[in-house]
Amino acid sequence: MSDETARRLDAEVRAIIDRNYKRARAILQEKADVLHAMAEALVEYQTLSREQIDHLMAGRPVRPTGEDRKGKGPHVKTGFEPEENSVGKGSGLGVSVAAN
C-alpha cells in the first residue's frame, strides 16, 4: 500500500470514528435521564426484566418483579453470558436479564 493510500485510509477511518463518536455522545446526552434511571435500577435490582427495561425506556418508574420479591425466579439467556447469567460471570458482557 502506498503512503498516499495509507493516509487517505487513515483519514477516512478517523472521519467514521469521529462521526459515530459525536452521534453516540448526542444519543447519550439526549437520553441521559433514561441512562441514569437504568443505572440506579441496576444498582437496586442487579438484573432487569424486559418489562422493567420497557418501563425505563418509556420514562415510567421501575417496579420490582416477582423474582425481586421472592429472591428466585427464571432467567433468560441473552447470548451475552455464555455459561452463567449473572454480573461478572462467564466471558460475556456481564449483562443479566431476568424473565417475567
N, C-alpha and C. Protein backbone atom coordinates (compact mmCIF):
# COMPACT_ATOMS: atom_id res chain seq x y z
N MET A 1 0.85 -1.17 0.00
CA MET A 1 0.00 0.00 0.00
C MET A 1 0.90 1.23 0.00
N SER A 2 0.57 2.19 -0.82
CA SER A 2 1.38 3.41 -0.90
C SER A 2 1.12 4.31 0.31
N ASP A 3 2.03 5.24 0.55
CA ASP A 3 1.87 6.18 1.67
C ASP A 3 0.61 7.02 1.49
N GLU A 4 0.34 7.42 0.26
CA GLU A 4 -0.85 8.23 -0.01
C GLU A 4 -2.13 7.45 0.29
N THR A 5 -2.18 6.20 -0.14
CA THR A 5 -3.34 5.35 0.13
C THR A 5 -3.51 5.15 1.64
N ALA A 6 -2.44 4.93 2.35
CA ALA A 6 -2.50 4.75 3.80
C ALA A 6 -3.01 6.02 4.47
N ARG A 7 -2.56 7.19 4.03
CA ARG A 7 -3.04 8.46 4.61
C ARG A 7 -4.52 8.65 4.34
N ARG A 8 -4.96 8.35 3.12
CA ARG A 8 -6.38 8.50 2.78
C ARG A 8 -7.24 7.54 3.60
N LEU A 9 -6.76 6.31 3.74
CA LEU A 9 -7.48 5.32 4.54
C LEU A 9 -7.56 5.76 5.99
N ASP A 10 -6.45 6.22 6.55
CA ASP A 10 -6.44 6.71 7.94
C ASP A 10 -7.41 7.87 8.12
N ALA A 11 -7.44 8.78 7.16
CA ALA A 11 -8.33 9.94 7.24
C ALA A 11 -9.80 9.49 7.21
N GLU A 12 -10.11 8.53 6.36
CA GLU A 12 -11.49 8.04 6.27
C GLU A 12 -11.91 7.32 7.55
N VAL A 13 -11.02 6.50 8.08
CA VAL A 13 -11.31 5.79 9.34
C VAL A 13 -11.52 6.81 10.46
N ARG A 14 -10.66 7.82 10.53
CA ARG A 14 -10.80 8.86 11.55
C ARG A 14 -12.14 9.58 11.42
N ALA A 15 -12.55 9.88 10.19
CA ALA A 15 -13.83 10.56 9.95
C ALA A 15 -14.99 9.70 10.43
N ILE A 16 -14.94 8.41 10.15
CA ILE A 16 -16.01 7.49 10.59
C ILE A 16 -16.05 7.43 12.11
N ILE A 17 -14.90 7.30 12.75
CA ILE A 17 -14.84 7.25 14.21
C ILE A 17 -15.38 8.54 14.82
N ASP A 18 -14.93 9.68 14.31
CA ASP A 18 -15.38 10.98 14.84
C ASP A 18 -16.88 11.17 14.67
N ARG A 19 -17.40 10.82 13.51
CA ARG A 19 -18.83 10.98 13.23
C ARG A 19 -19.66 10.11 14.18
N ASN A 20 -19.25 8.87 14.38
CA ASN A 20 -20.01 7.98 15.24
C ASN A 20 -19.83 8.28 16.72
N TYR A 21 -18.67 8.82 17.10
CA TYR A 21 -18.47 9.26 18.48
C TYR A 21 -19.44 10.40 18.78
N LYS A 22 -19.55 11.38 17.87
CA LYS A 22 -20.46 12.51 18.06
C LYS A 22 -21.91 12.02 18.13
N ARG A 23 -22.24 11.07 17.29
CA ARG A 23 -23.61 10.52 17.29
C ARG A 23 -23.92 9.82 18.61
N ALA A 24 -22.99 8.97 19.09
CA ALA A 24 -23.18 8.26 20.35
C ALA A 24 -23.29 9.24 21.51
N ARG A 25 -22.45 10.25 21.52
CA ARG A 25 -22.48 11.25 22.58
C ARG A 25 -23.82 12.00 22.59
N ALA A 26 -24.31 12.36 21.41
CA ALA A 26 -25.60 13.06 21.32
C ALA A 26 -26.74 12.19 21.84
N ILE A 27 -26.72 10.91 21.48
CA ILE A 27 -27.76 9.99 21.95
C ILE A 27 -27.71 9.87 23.47
N LEU A 28 -26.51 9.70 24.03
CA LEU A 28 -26.37 9.57 25.48
C LEU A 28 -26.80 10.85 26.20
N GLN A 29 -26.49 12.01 25.64
CA GLN A 29 -26.91 13.26 26.25
C GLN A 29 -28.42 13.42 26.16
N GLU A 30 -28.99 13.05 25.02
CA GLU A 30 -30.44 13.15 24.83
C GLU A 30 -31.19 12.21 25.77
N LYS A 31 -30.63 11.04 26.02
CA LYS A 31 -31.28 10.02 26.85
C LYS A 31 -30.63 9.91 28.23
N ALA A 32 -29.99 10.98 28.70
CA ALA A 32 -29.28 10.93 29.98
C ALA A 32 -30.19 10.51 31.13
N ASP A 33 -31.43 10.99 31.13
CA ASP A 33 -32.36 10.63 32.21
C ASP A 33 -32.62 9.13 32.22
N VAL A 34 -32.78 8.52 31.06
CA VAL A 34 -33.01 7.08 30.96
C VAL A 34 -31.75 6.33 31.39
N LEU A 35 -30.59 6.80 30.95
CA LEU A 35 -29.33 6.18 31.31
C LEU A 35 -29.14 6.17 32.83
N HIS A 36 -29.41 7.30 33.48
CA HIS A 36 -29.25 7.38 34.94
C HIS A 36 -30.29 6.52 35.66
N ALA A 37 -31.52 6.52 35.16
CA ALA A 37 -32.56 5.69 35.78
C ALA A 37 -32.21 4.21 35.65
N MET A 38 -31.66 3.81 34.50
CA MET A 38 -31.28 2.42 34.32
C MET A 38 -30.12 2.05 35.24
N ALA A 39 -29.16 2.94 35.39
CA ALA A 39 -28.03 2.69 36.29
C ALA A 39 -28.53 2.52 37.73
N GLU A 40 -29.44 3.39 38.16
CA GLU A 40 -30.00 3.28 39.51
C GLU A 40 -30.78 1.98 39.69
N ALA A 41 -31.55 1.60 38.69
CA ALA A 41 -32.32 0.35 38.76
C ALA A 41 -31.39 -0.85 38.82
N LEU A 42 -30.30 -0.83 38.06
CA LEU A 42 -29.35 -1.94 38.10
C LEU A 42 -28.65 -2.03 39.45
N VAL A 43 -28.36 -0.91 40.06
CA VAL A 43 -27.75 -0.92 41.40
C VAL A 43 -28.74 -1.53 42.39
N GLU A 44 -30.01 -1.16 42.26
CA GLU A 44 -31.02 -1.66 43.20
C GLU A 44 -31.38 -3.12 42.97
N TYR A 45 -31.59 -3.52 41.71
CA TYR A 45 -32.11 -4.86 41.42
C TYR A 45 -31.05 -5.84 40.89
N GLN A 46 -29.93 -5.37 40.42
CA GLN A 46 -28.84 -6.15 39.82
C GLN A 46 -29.20 -6.74 38.47
N THR A 47 -30.42 -7.12 38.27
CA THR A 47 -30.90 -7.61 36.97
C THR A 47 -32.18 -6.86 36.64
N LEU A 48 -32.48 -6.74 35.36
CA LEU A 48 -33.70 -6.08 34.92
C LEU A 48 -34.45 -6.98 33.96
N SER A 49 -35.75 -7.07 34.15
CA SER A 49 -36.58 -7.83 33.23
C SER A 49 -36.84 -7.00 31.98
N ARG A 50 -37.33 -7.63 30.97
CA ARG A 50 -37.69 -6.88 29.76
C ARG A 50 -38.75 -5.84 30.09
N GLU A 51 -39.71 -6.20 30.93
CA GLU A 51 -40.76 -5.26 31.32
C GLU A 51 -40.16 -4.05 32.04
N GLN A 52 -39.21 -4.29 32.92
CA GLN A 52 -38.57 -3.18 33.64
C GLN A 52 -37.81 -2.27 32.67
N ILE A 53 -37.13 -2.84 31.70
CA ILE A 53 -36.41 -2.04 30.71
C ILE A 53 -37.40 -1.24 29.88
N ASP A 54 -38.52 -1.86 29.49
CA ASP A 54 -39.55 -1.15 28.74
C ASP A 54 -40.08 0.04 29.54
N HIS A 55 -40.30 -0.17 30.85
CA HIS A 55 -40.77 0.92 31.71
C HIS A 55 -39.75 2.06 31.73
N LEU A 56 -38.47 1.72 31.89
CA LEU A 56 -37.43 2.74 31.91
C LEU A 56 -37.38 3.52 30.60
N MET A 57 -37.44 2.80 29.49
CA MET A 57 -37.35 3.46 28.19
C MET A 57 -38.56 4.37 27.93
N ALA A 58 -39.70 4.05 28.55
CA ALA A 58 -40.91 4.86 28.40
C ALA A 58 -40.98 5.97 29.45
N GLY A 59 -39.97 6.05 30.32
CA GLY A 59 -39.96 7.09 31.34
C GLY A 59 -40.82 6.79 32.55
N ARG A 60 -41.24 5.52 32.68
CA ARG A 60 -42.05 5.13 33.83
C ARG A 60 -41.15 4.56 34.92
N PRO A 61 -41.59 4.60 36.18
CA PRO A 61 -40.78 4.02 37.26
C PRO A 61 -40.70 2.50 37.15
N VAL A 62 -39.61 1.96 37.66
CA VAL A 62 -39.38 0.51 37.63
C VAL A 62 -40.04 -0.10 38.85
N ARG A 63 -40.80 -1.17 38.62
CA ARG A 63 -41.42 -1.91 39.73
C ARG A 63 -40.66 -3.20 39.94
N PRO A 64 -40.61 -3.68 41.19
CA PRO A 64 -39.96 -4.98 41.43
C PRO A 64 -40.70 -6.08 40.68
N THR A 65 -39.96 -7.07 40.21
CA THR A 65 -40.57 -8.24 39.58
C THR A 65 -40.85 -9.28 40.63
N GLY A 66 -41.53 -10.34 40.25
CA GLY A 66 -41.77 -11.45 41.17
C GLY A 66 -40.47 -12.01 41.70
N GLU A 67 -39.45 -12.06 40.84
CA GLU A 67 -38.14 -12.55 41.25
C GLU A 67 -37.55 -11.68 42.35
N ASP A 68 -37.70 -10.36 42.21
CA ASP A 68 -37.16 -9.44 43.21
C ASP A 68 -37.87 -9.62 44.55
N ARG A 69 -39.15 -9.93 44.50
CA ARG A 69 -39.92 -10.10 45.74
C ARG A 69 -39.63 -11.44 46.40
N LYS A 70 -39.41 -12.48 45.61
CA LYS A 70 -39.23 -13.82 46.15
C LYS A 70 -37.76 -14.21 46.29
N GLY A 71 -36.88 -13.52 45.57
CA GLY A 71 -35.47 -13.86 45.62
C GLY A 71 -35.07 -14.96 44.65
N LYS A 72 -36.05 -15.58 43.98
CA LYS A 72 -35.75 -16.62 43.00
C LYS A 72 -36.65 -16.44 41.80
N GLY A 73 -36.20 -16.96 40.69
CA GLY A 73 -37.03 -16.88 39.50
C GLY A 73 -36.24 -17.27 38.28
N PRO A 74 -36.92 -17.47 37.15
CA PRO A 74 -36.23 -17.88 35.93
C PRO A 74 -35.43 -16.74 35.33
N HIS A 75 -34.38 -17.09 34.64
CA HIS A 75 -33.59 -16.12 33.90
C HIS A 75 -33.62 -16.50 32.42
N VAL A 76 -33.47 -15.51 31.59
CA VAL A 76 -33.41 -15.73 30.15
C VAL A 76 -31.97 -15.51 29.71
N LYS A 77 -31.41 -16.49 29.02
CA LYS A 77 -30.08 -16.32 28.45
C LYS A 77 -30.17 -15.28 27.35
N THR A 78 -29.30 -14.30 27.39
CA THR A 78 -29.34 -13.23 26.40
C THR A 78 -28.32 -13.43 25.30
N GLY A 79 -27.42 -14.39 25.45
CA GLY A 79 -26.36 -14.56 24.49
C GLY A 79 -25.10 -13.84 24.91
N PHE A 80 -25.18 -13.00 25.94
CA PHE A 80 -24.02 -12.27 26.42
C PHE A 80 -23.34 -12.98 27.57
N GLU A 81 -24.02 -13.92 28.20
CA GLU A 81 -23.43 -14.66 29.30
C GLU A 81 -23.47 -16.13 28.95
N PRO A 82 -22.40 -16.65 28.33
CA PRO A 82 -22.42 -18.00 27.77
C PRO A 82 -22.62 -19.11 28.78
N GLU A 83 -22.13 -18.95 30.02
CA GLU A 83 -22.23 -20.06 30.96
C GLU A 83 -23.11 -19.74 32.16
N GLU A 84 -23.04 -18.52 32.65
CA GLU A 84 -23.83 -18.15 33.80
C GLU A 84 -24.52 -16.83 33.50
N ASN A 85 -25.64 -16.60 34.13
CA ASN A 85 -26.44 -15.41 33.86
C ASN A 85 -26.39 -14.46 35.04
N SER A 86 -25.17 -14.04 35.41
CA SER A 86 -25.06 -13.07 36.48
C SER A 86 -23.89 -12.14 36.20
N VAL A 87 -23.92 -11.00 36.81
CA VAL A 87 -22.93 -9.97 36.54
C VAL A 87 -21.53 -10.48 36.83
N GLY A 88 -20.65 -10.28 35.87
CA GLY A 88 -19.25 -10.62 36.03
C GLY A 88 -18.91 -12.09 35.82
N LYS A 89 -19.85 -12.93 35.48
CA LYS A 89 -19.58 -14.35 35.29
C LYS A 89 -19.53 -14.67 33.81
N GLY A 90 -18.85 -15.70 33.46
CA GLY A 90 -18.75 -16.12 32.07
C GLY A 90 -17.85 -15.18 31.30
N SER A 91 -17.81 -15.33 30.00
CA SER A 91 -16.93 -14.49 29.20
C SER A 91 -17.73 -13.44 28.44
N GLY A 92 -18.99 -13.23 28.82
CA GLY A 92 -19.83 -12.28 28.12
C GLY A 92 -19.65 -10.86 28.63
N LEU A 93 -20.63 -10.02 28.38
CA LEU A 93 -20.55 -8.63 28.75
C LEU A 93 -20.94 -8.38 30.20
N GLY A 94 -21.40 -9.39 30.91
CA GLY A 94 -21.81 -9.19 32.28
C GLY A 94 -23.19 -8.60 32.40
N VAL A 95 -23.99 -8.72 31.36
CA VAL A 95 -25.35 -8.20 31.38
C VAL A 95 -26.28 -9.34 31.81
N SER A 96 -27.19 -9.04 32.69
CA SER A 96 -28.10 -10.06 33.16
C SER A 96 -29.53 -9.59 33.00
N VAL A 97 -30.38 -10.40 32.41
CA VAL A 97 -31.77 -10.06 32.17
C VAL A 97 -32.66 -11.14 32.77
N ALA A 98 -33.56 -10.75 33.63
CA ALA A 98 -34.47 -11.70 34.26
C ALA A 98 -35.74 -11.80 33.43
N ALA A 99 -36.31 -12.99 33.35
CA ALA A 99 -37.57 -13.20 32.65
C ALA A 99 -38.73 -12.78 33.53
N ASN A 100 -39.83 -12.42 32.91
CA ASN A 100 -41.03 -12.05 33.68
C ASN A 100 -41.75 -13.29 34.10
